[in-house]
Amino acid sequence: MAELMDRYPAIADLERRAMRRLPSFAREYLVSGTGDEATVRRNRSAFEAVTFRPQFLKGELEPDTGTTLFGRRYAAPIGAAPVGLTGLIWPGTDETLARLAAERRIPHTLSTVATTKPETVGPLTRGHGWFQLYPPREASIRDDLIERAAASGFDVMVVTADVPAPSRRERQRRARVRVPPVIGPTLVAQAAIHPSWTVATLRKGIPKFETLEPYIDSSTLRQMSGFIGARLGGTLSWDYLAEIRKRWDGPLVVKGILDVDDAERCLAEGADAVQVSNHGGRQLEAAPSPLEALDAILERVDGRAPVLLDSGVRSGADVARALALGADFVFAGRAFLFGIAALGERGADHAFEILHDGLVNVMHQTGCSTIDELRTRGVGVDG
């Protein structure tokens, strides 16, 4: 691990290597935002604007990153956010992240549209699995997905609220990203010049939306894509959320919240936490960054429930910034995918090590022994 840290000390290093190893369609799917990607840039700018006021002369410190959420003790307030179509980025990604979650004692959130079914991933997490639900239009599918998640050992349900309609993602259109990729000269050429990805994909098999296979007659990616567009999302309402609450016995998180009234209503409808997120800049190009929305939501929630955050996290310092501004837990999506695409299975652990080591370093530099102390540390925000 020390050698890896010397060669790839930052998530940006993993990203550069990943971009070299991925075919163009997988690259574009992973990194693109929507519109002119102003929201992607805004996410990064918001993190970079947050500074700490260090405190020194604290003597020898041994920072403890452990934190408790929903009655479970996690080794760090860092989790893997849900990412769809993970097998296109690198085969076996969700299994890799599940094993990471179990070994490092952090949560991994499996997407409804990941490429590995919950029955496979859940047991691998050893109790550290969360399941993300894209609300199906059909109640029977919704209820079956909830039952499958519970039976597979997932203990937290995350309902994604911020996809009322598909986003435009113009960059993906310009790159002619298709699901599945159109087999032709371009794809063949891309496969030939990215042999690591190609060999790994051939060994694992063409990625499929395994979770959704029981609900249509065919398992091809093309037909699955039509199913996703027609039968997932677009119908989430407060009544729908109330139905999920009735059927899910464990902790319930609503993800994609940027409005204080929405946060308040989520708690009134029985949510146990809200996750402040703009979907990694992939839905609304004019959305605020989660850090910009966080303070007002924290004020409205007023300690009645945990407030989680994702979108734009690229370092342990970013994790520390979100925590210092009041977030209870921080999730990264692309950062873990960069690690896996760059280094295979060991890349997931290395990405976590980068984030965790960076968090610990900030705690040392600011004189904090615990996460609670970090949450009281003074920060500044440019502008």
Protein backbone atom coordinates (compact mmCIF):
# COMPACT_ATOMS: atom_id res chain seq x y z
CA MET A 1 0.00 0.00 0.00
CA ALA A 2 2.88 2.41 0.69
CA GLU A 3 4.10 1.92 -2.87
CA LEU A 4 0.63 2.66 -4.23
CA MET A 5 0.42 5.80 -2.12
CA ASP A 6 3.73 6.99 -3.51
CA ARG A 7 2.61 6.42 -7.10
CA TYR A 8 -1.01 7.50 -6.70
CA PRO A 9 -1.26 9.81 -3.67
CA ALA A 10 -4.42 11.59 -4.82
CA ILE A 11 -7.77 10.72 -6.40
CA ALA A 12 -6.68 12.88 -9.35
CA ASP A 13 -3.82 10.44 -9.98
CA LEU A 14 -6.28 7.54 -10.08
CA GLU A 15 -8.54 9.51 -12.40
CA ARG A 16 -5.73 10.12 -14.89
CA ARG A 17 -4.80 6.43 -14.98
CA ALA A 18 -8.46 5.41 -15.22
CA MET A 19 -9.01 7.70 -18.19
CA ARG A 20 -6.15 5.98 -20.02
CA ARG A 21 -7.53 2.48 -19.32
CA LEU A 22 -11.19 3.09 -20.20
CA PRO A 23 -12.71 3.13 -23.69
CA SER A 24 -14.20 6.48 -24.63
CA PHE A 25 -17.84 5.51 -24.08
CA ALA A 26 -17.13 4.28 -20.54
CA ARG A 27 -15.03 7.37 -19.83
CA GLU A 28 -17.74 9.74 -20.96
CA TYR A 29 -20.45 7.89 -19.07
CA LEU A 30 -18.47 8.15 -15.84
CA VAL A 31 -17.23 11.73 -15.86
CA SER A 32 -19.87 13.71 -17.75
CA GLY A 33 -22.33 16.10 -16.17
CA THR A 34 -25.26 17.82 -17.79
CA GLY A 35 -25.47 21.05 -19.76
CA ASP A 36 -22.15 22.87 -19.96
CA GLU A 37 -21.16 21.04 -16.74
CA ALA A 38 -21.31 24.23 -14.70
CA THR A 39 -22.75 22.25 -11.79
CA VAL A 40 -19.83 19.82 -11.86
CA ARG A 41 -17.45 22.76 -11.69
CA ARG A 42 -19.57 24.47 -9.03
CA ASN A 43 -19.33 21.37 -6.85
CA ARG A 44 -15.55 21.53 -6.94
CA SER A 45 -15.39 25.30 -6.45
CA ALA A 46 -17.60 25.07 -3.39
CA PHE A 47 -15.29 22.56 -1.74
CA GLU A 48 -12.17 24.51 -2.64
CA ALA A 49 -13.63 27.68 -1.12
CA VAL A 50 -13.82 26.12 2.37
CA THR A 51 -10.77 26.72 4.57
CA PHE A 52 -9.91 25.74 8.15
CA ARG A 53 -8.49 27.70 11.05
CA PRO A 54 -5.80 25.35 12.39
CA GLN A 55 -5.13 25.01 16.10
CA PHE A 56 -1.69 23.87 17.18
CA LEU A 57 0.26 22.95 20.33
CA LYS A 58 -2.08 20.05 21.03
CA GLY A 59 0.66 17.57 21.75
CA GLU A 60 0.53 14.08 20.30
CA LEU A 61 -2.78 13.33 18.57
CA GLU A 62 -4.26 10.00 17.52
CA PRO A 63 -7.32 11.00 15.46
CA ASP A 64 -10.25 8.61 15.68
CA THR A 65 -12.48 8.73 12.59
CA GLY A 66 -15.10 6.37 13.98
CA THR A 67 -18.69 7.60 13.91
CA THR A 68 -22.14 6.20 14.62
CA LEU A 69 -25.06 6.40 12.21
CA PHE A 70 -28.42 4.63 12.54
CA GLY A 71 -27.09 2.73 15.52
CA ARG A 72 -24.13 1.24 13.63
CA ARG A 73 -20.52 2.15 14.35
CA TYR A 74 -18.62 2.93 11.15
CA ALA A 75 -14.84 3.20 10.91
CA ALA A 76 -15.12 6.54 9.14
CA PRO A 77 -17.87 8.92 7.97
CA ILE A 78 -17.08 7.97 4.37
CA GLY A 79 -19.36 5.86 2.18
CA ALA A 80 -19.64 4.70 -1.42
CA ALA A 81 -22.46 6.53 -3.20
CA PRO A 82 -24.70 4.67 -5.66
CA VAL A 83 -23.53 4.60 -9.28
CA GLY A 84 -25.52 3.06 -12.11
CA LEU A 85 -24.16 0.80 -14.84
CA THR A 86 -21.02 0.09 -12.83
CA GLY A 87 -20.10 -2.95 -14.89
CA LEU A 88 -19.60 -0.74 -17.93
CA ILE A 89 -16.92 1.18 -16.04
CA TRP A 90 -15.19 -1.93 -14.72
CA PRO A 91 -16.49 -5.49 -14.38
CA GLY A 92 -17.30 -6.61 -10.85
CA THR A 93 -17.30 -3.09 -9.41
CA ASP A 94 -20.20 -3.59 -7.01
CA GLU A 95 -18.81 -6.84 -5.65
CA THR A 96 -15.51 -5.06 -5.12
CA LEU A 97 -17.17 -2.18 -3.28
CA ALA A 98 -19.22 -4.62 -1.18
CA ARG A 99 -16.07 -6.38 -0.03
CA LEU A 100 -14.47 -3.01 0.68
CA ALA A 101 -17.48 -2.04 2.80
CA ALA A 102 -17.21 -5.22 4.85
CA GLU A 103 -13.46 -4.99 5.34
CA ARG A 104 -13.26 -1.27 6.06
CA ARG A 105 -16.59 -1.04 7.93
CA ILE A 106 -18.11 1.68 5.76
CA PRO A 107 -21.41 1.71 3.82
CA HIS A 108 -21.71 0.78 0.16
CA THR A 109 -24.90 1.93 -1.60
CA LEU A 110 -26.04 -0.39 -4.38
CA SER A 111 -27.95 1.32 -7.18
CA THR A 112 -31.16 -0.09 -8.61
CA VAL A 113 -29.47 0.21 -12.02
CA ALA A 114 -26.12 -1.26 -11.01
CA THR A 115 -25.04 -4.37 -12.89
CA THR A 116 -25.04 -6.82 -9.99
CA LYS A 117 -28.20 -7.93 -8.21
CA PRO A 118 -28.79 -7.29 -4.50
CA GLU A 119 -28.87 -11.02 -3.77
CA THR A 120 -25.19 -11.14 -4.76
CA VAL A 121 -24.01 -7.87 -3.25
CA GLY A 122 -25.90 -7.83 0.04
CA PRO A 123 -24.19 -10.82 1.69
CA LEU A 124 -20.76 -9.56 0.63
CA THR A 125 -21.24 -6.32 2.60
CA ARG A 126 -21.68 -8.23 5.88
CA GLY A 127 -24.25 -5.76 7.15
CA HIS A 128 -22.72 -2.62 5.61
CA GLY A 129 -24.94 -2.50 2.54
CA TRP A 130 -27.42 0.26 1.67
CA PHE A 131 -29.87 -0.09 -1.22
CA GLN A 132 -30.71 2.86 -3.47
CA LEU A 133 -34.20 2.83 -4.97
CA TYR A 134 -35.13 4.53 -8.22
CA PRO A 135 -38.91 4.57 -7.65
CA PRO A 136 -40.61 2.22 -10.14
CA ARG A 137 -43.92 3.32 -11.62
CA GLU A 138 -45.47 -0.04 -10.80
CA ALA A 139 -46.21 -0.68 -7.13
CA SER A 140 -45.64 -4.41 -7.55
CA ILE A 141 -42.06 -3.84 -8.76
CA ARG A 142 -41.43 -1.30 -6.01
CA ASP A 143 -42.62 -3.66 -3.32
CA ASP A 144 -40.65 -6.57 -4.74
CA LEU A 145 -37.43 -4.52 -4.84
CA ILE A 146 -37.94 -3.49 -1.23
CA GLU A 147 -38.51 -7.11 -0.18
CA ARG A 148 -35.45 -8.29 -2.12
CA ALA A 149 -33.25 -5.62 -0.54
CA ALA A 150 -34.37 -6.61 2.95
CA ALA A 151 -33.95 -10.32 2.26
CA SER A 152 -30.44 -9.70 0.88
CA GLY A 153 -29.26 -8.06 4.09
CA PHE A 154 -29.37 -4.37 3.20
CA ASP A 155 -30.20 -2.36 6.28
CA VAL A 156 -30.70 1.17 4.90
CA MET A 157 -33.00 2.23 2.05
CA VAL A 158 -31.98 5.30 0.03
CA VAL A 159 -34.72 6.78 -2.15
CA THR A 160 -33.42 8.96 -4.97
CA ALA A 161 -35.65 12.01 -5.37
CA ASP A 162 -33.74 14.11 -7.91
CA VAL A 163 -34.57 12.28 -11.15
CA PRO A 164 -38.07 13.53 -12.06
CA ALA A 165 -37.04 13.12 -15.71
CA PRO A 166 -33.92 11.99 -17.57
CA SER A 167 -31.29 14.70 -17.87
CA ARG A 168 -29.86 15.80 -21.20
CA ARG A 169 -26.17 15.04 -20.60
CA GLU A 170 -25.09 16.72 -23.79
CA ARG A 171 -21.49 15.58 -23.48
CA GLN A 172 -22.59 11.95 -23.60
CA ARG A 173 -24.69 12.70 -26.68
CA ARG A 174 -21.80 14.35 -28.46
CA ALA A 175 -19.64 11.33 -27.65
CA ARG A 176 -22.45 9.05 -28.92
CA VAL A 177 -22.57 7.13 -25.69
CA ARG A 178 -25.13 4.35 -26.12
CA VAL A 179 -26.41 1.71 -23.75
CA PRO A 180 -25.47 -0.84 -24.83
CA PRO A 181 -22.53 0.41 -26.92
CA VAL A 182 -23.22 0.03 -30.63
CA ILE A 183 -21.01 -2.77 -31.93
CA GLY A 184 -19.18 -1.40 -34.92
CA PRO A 185 -15.77 -0.23 -36.07
CA THR A 186 -15.53 2.46 -33.38
CA LEU A 187 -16.27 0.08 -30.52
CA VAL A 188 -13.94 -2.57 -31.90
CA ALA A 189 -11.16 -0.01 -32.21
CA GLN A 190 -11.75 1.23 -28.67
CA ALA A 191 -11.70 -2.32 -27.33
CA ALA A 192 -8.46 -3.06 -29.17
CA ILE A 193 -6.60 -0.08 -27.71
CA HIS A 194 -7.89 -0.67 -24.16
CA PRO A 195 -6.98 -4.33 -23.63
CA SER A 196 -7.20 -4.36 -19.82
CA TRP A 197 -10.84 -3.25 -19.91
CA THR A 198 -11.63 -5.59 -22.79
CA VAL A 199 -10.12 -8.67 -21.18
CA ALA A 200 -11.80 -7.95 -17.85
CA THR A 201 -15.15 -7.47 -19.61
CA LEU A 202 -14.81 -10.67 -21.62
CA ARG A 203 -14.02 -12.62 -18.44
CA LYS A 204 -17.01 -11.19 -16.58
CA GLY A 205 -19.44 -11.04 -19.47
CA ILE A 206 -21.39 -8.21 -21.06
CA PRO A 207 -22.82 -6.04 -18.25
CA LYS A 208 -26.53 -6.39 -17.55
CA PHE A 209 -28.95 -4.66 -15.21
CA GLU A 210 -29.27 -7.80 -13.13
CA THR A 211 -31.56 -6.32 -10.48
CA LEU A 212 -34.19 -5.48 -13.07
CA GLU A 213 -34.01 -8.66 -15.14
CA PRO A 214 -36.95 -10.37 -13.38
CA TYR A 215 -39.30 -7.62 -14.47
CA ILE A 216 -38.97 -7.90 -18.25
CA ASP A 217 -38.85 -10.78 -20.69
CA SER A 218 -35.33 -10.18 -22.00
CA SER A 219 -32.08 -9.24 -20.27
CA THR A 220 -30.38 -7.36 -23.09
CA LEU A 221 -29.02 -3.96 -22.21
CA ARG A 222 -30.94 -2.28 -25.03
CA GLN A 223 -34.32 -3.53 -23.85
CA MET A 224 -33.36 -2.83 -20.25
CA SER A 225 -32.60 0.77 -21.18
CA GLY A 226 -36.08 1.12 -22.61
CA PHE A 227 -37.51 -0.36 -19.44
CA ILE A 228 -35.58 2.09 -17.27
CA GLY A 229 -36.71 5.08 -19.29
CA ALA A 230 -40.37 4.05 -19.34
CA ARG A 231 -40.88 2.44 -15.94
CA LEU A 232 -38.44 3.96 -13.45
CA GLY A 233 -38.68 7.47 -12.06
CA GLY A 234 -40.96 10.39 -12.77
CA THR A 235 -43.65 9.39 -10.29
CA LEU A 236 -42.09 10.00 -6.89
CA SER A 237 -44.48 11.99 -4.69
CA TRP A 238 -45.06 12.45 -0.99
CA ASP A 239 -47.75 9.79 -1.13
CA TYR A 240 -45.33 7.43 -2.88
CA LEU A 241 -42.67 8.12 -0.24
CA ALA A 242 -45.22 7.36 2.47
CA GLU A 243 -45.88 3.98 0.82
CA ILE A 244 -42.15 3.18 0.87
CA ARG A 245 -42.02 4.14 4.53
CA LYS A 246 -44.82 1.67 5.29
CA ARG A 247 -42.99 -1.16 3.55
CA TRP A 248 -39.42 -0.56 4.73
CA ASP A 249 -38.74 -1.27 8.40
CA GLY A 250 -35.18 0.04 8.56
CA PRO A 251 -33.62 3.49 8.28
CA LEU A 252 -34.93 5.49 5.30
CA VAL A 253 -32.85 8.17 3.56
CA VAL A 254 -34.13 10.55 0.87
CA LYS A 255 -31.30 11.48 -1.51
CA GLY A 256 -31.07 14.51 -3.76
CA ILE A 257 -32.46 17.13 -1.37
CA LEU A 258 -31.43 20.75 -1.95
CA ASP A 259 -34.51 22.62 -0.68
CA VAL A 260 -35.26 23.30 2.98
CA ASP A 261 -39.00 22.70 2.61
CA ASP A 262 -38.32 19.35 0.96
CA ALA A 263 -36.02 18.42 3.85
CA GLU A 264 -38.70 19.32 6.37
CA ARG A 265 -41.38 17.36 4.54
CA CYS A 266 -39.13 14.30 4.24
CA LEU A 267 -38.87 14.13 8.02
CA ALA A 268 -42.63 14.64 8.37
CA GLU A 269 -43.18 11.66 6.05
CA GLY A 270 -40.98 9.42 8.20
CA ALA A 271 -37.53 9.70 6.61
CA ASP A 272 -34.71 9.06 9.07
CA ALA A 273 -32.19 11.25 7.20
CA VAL A 274 -31.81 13.41 4.12
CA GLN A 275 -28.88 13.30 1.71
CA VAL A 276 -27.95 16.68 0.26
CA SER A 277 -26.90 16.03 -3.33
CA ASN A 278 -27.16 17.33 -6.88
CA HIS A 279 -26.54 13.90 -8.43
CA GLY A 280 -22.91 14.71 -9.11
CA GLY A 281 -23.92 17.51 -11.47
CA ARG A 282 -25.68 15.08 -13.80
CA GLN A 283 -29.30 16.26 -13.55
CA LEU A 284 -29.77 20.06 -13.42
CA GLU A 285 -27.02 22.28 -14.77
CA ALA A 286 -28.31 25.25 -12.74
CA ALA A 287 -28.43 23.41 -9.41
CA PRO A 288 -26.55 24.71 -6.38
CA SER A 289 -23.74 22.66 -4.95
CA PRO A 290 -24.64 20.57 -1.89
CA LEU A 291 -22.25 22.66 0.22
CA GLU A 292 -24.15 25.80 -0.79
CA ALA A 293 -27.45 24.24 0.28
CA LEU A 294 -26.17 22.52 3.40
CA ASP A 295 -26.32 25.31 5.98
CA ALA A 296 -29.98 26.19 5.40
CA ILE A 297 -31.00 22.53 5.46
CA LEU A 298 -29.09 21.96 8.69
CA GLU A 299 -30.81 24.95 10.24
CA ARG A 300 -34.24 23.63 9.25
CA VAL A 301 -33.54 20.05 10.32
CA ASP A 302 -32.15 21.38 13.60
CA GLY A 303 -30.61 18.12 14.79
CA ARG A 304 -33.78 16.04 14.41
CA ALA A 305 -32.14 13.71 11.87
CA PRO A 306 -28.74 13.11 10.27
CA VAL A 307 -27.88 15.15 7.19
CA LEU A 308 -25.69 13.31 4.68
CA LEU A 309 -23.91 14.74 1.64
CA ASP A 310 -22.45 13.71 -1.72
CA SER A 311 -21.42 15.21 -5.09
CA GLY A 312 -17.95 16.43 -5.93
CA VAL A 313 -15.96 14.72 -3.17
CA ARG A 314 -12.38 14.18 -4.35
CA SER A 315 -10.21 14.15 -1.23
CA GLY A 316 -10.07 13.61 2.48
CA ALA A 317 -9.95 17.37 2.85
CA ASP A 318 -13.32 17.52 1.05
CA VAL A 319 -14.72 15.00 3.52
CA ALA A 320 -13.39 17.12 6.37
CA ARG A 321 -14.84 20.29 4.85
CA ALA A 322 -18.33 18.79 4.61
CA LEU A 323 -18.13 17.45 8.16
CA ALA A 324 -16.88 20.77 9.52
CA LEU A 325 -19.79 22.53 7.83
CA GLY A 326 -22.20 20.20 9.60
CA ALA A 327 -22.74 17.09 7.47
CA ASP A 328 -23.01 13.89 9.50
CA PHE A 329 -21.68 11.56 6.78
CA VAL A 330 -20.07 12.02 3.36
CA PHE A 331 -20.36 9.83 0.26
CA ALA A 332 -18.14 9.61 -2.83
CA GLY A 333 -19.08 8.01 -6.13
CA ARG A 334 -16.65 8.75 -8.94
CA ALA A 335 -13.65 8.69 -6.59
CA PHE A 336 -14.12 4.96 -5.90
CA LEU A 337 -14.83 4.23 -9.58
CA PHE A 338 -11.61 6.00 -10.59
CA GLY A 339 -9.72 3.75 -8.19
CA ILE A 340 -11.23 0.54 -9.54
CA ALA A 341 -10.81 1.56 -13.19
CA ALA A 342 -7.21 2.53 -12.51
CA LEU A 343 -6.05 -0.43 -10.42
CA GLY A 344 -8.74 -3.10 -10.45
CA GLU A 345 -10.03 -4.49 -7.16
CA ARG A 346 -7.17 -3.07 -5.09
CA GLY A 347 -8.08 0.38 -6.41
CA ALA A 348 -11.23 0.53 -4.29
CA ASP A 349 -9.26 0.10 -1.10
CA HIS A 350 -6.63 2.54 -2.30
CA ALA A 351 -9.27 5.18 -3.06
CA PHE A 352 -10.66 4.74 0.45
CA GLU A 353 -7.14 4.97 1.89
CA ILE A 354 -6.58 8.26 0.07
CA LEU A 355 -9.84 9.71 1.40
CA HIS A 356 -9.31 8.39 4.92
CA ASP A 357 -5.64 9.38 5.12
CA GLY A 358 -6.54 12.86 3.90
CA LEU A 359 -9.25 13.17 6.54
CA VAL A 360 -6.86 12.06 9.29
CA ASN A 361 -4.25 14.52 8.06
CA VAL A 362 -6.71 17.42 8.26
CA MET A 363 -7.61 16.32 11.79
CA HIS A 364 -3.92 16.41 12.72
CA GLN A 365 -3.42 19.81 11.10
CA THR A 366 -6.44 21.31 12.84
CA GLY A 367 -5.86 19.71 16.24
CA CYS A 368 -8.88 17.40 16.24
CA SER A 369 -8.91 13.99 17.92
CA THR A 370 -12.46 13.04 16.96
CA ILE A 371 -15.01 13.70 14.25
CA ASP A 372 -17.12 15.59 16.79
CA GLU A 373 -14.22 17.96 17.40
CA LEU A 374 -13.82 18.48 13.66
CA ARG A 375 -17.49 19.47 13.46
CA THR A 376 -16.78 22.31 15.90
CA ARG A 377 -13.66 23.51 14.11
CA GLY A 378 -13.90 26.97 12.63
CA VAL A 379 -14.00 27.17 8.85
CA GLY A 380 -13.97 30.00 6.37
CA VAL A 381 -15.81 30.19 3.07
CA ASP A 382 -14.44 32.42 0.30
CA GLY A 383 -16.85 34.80 -1.32
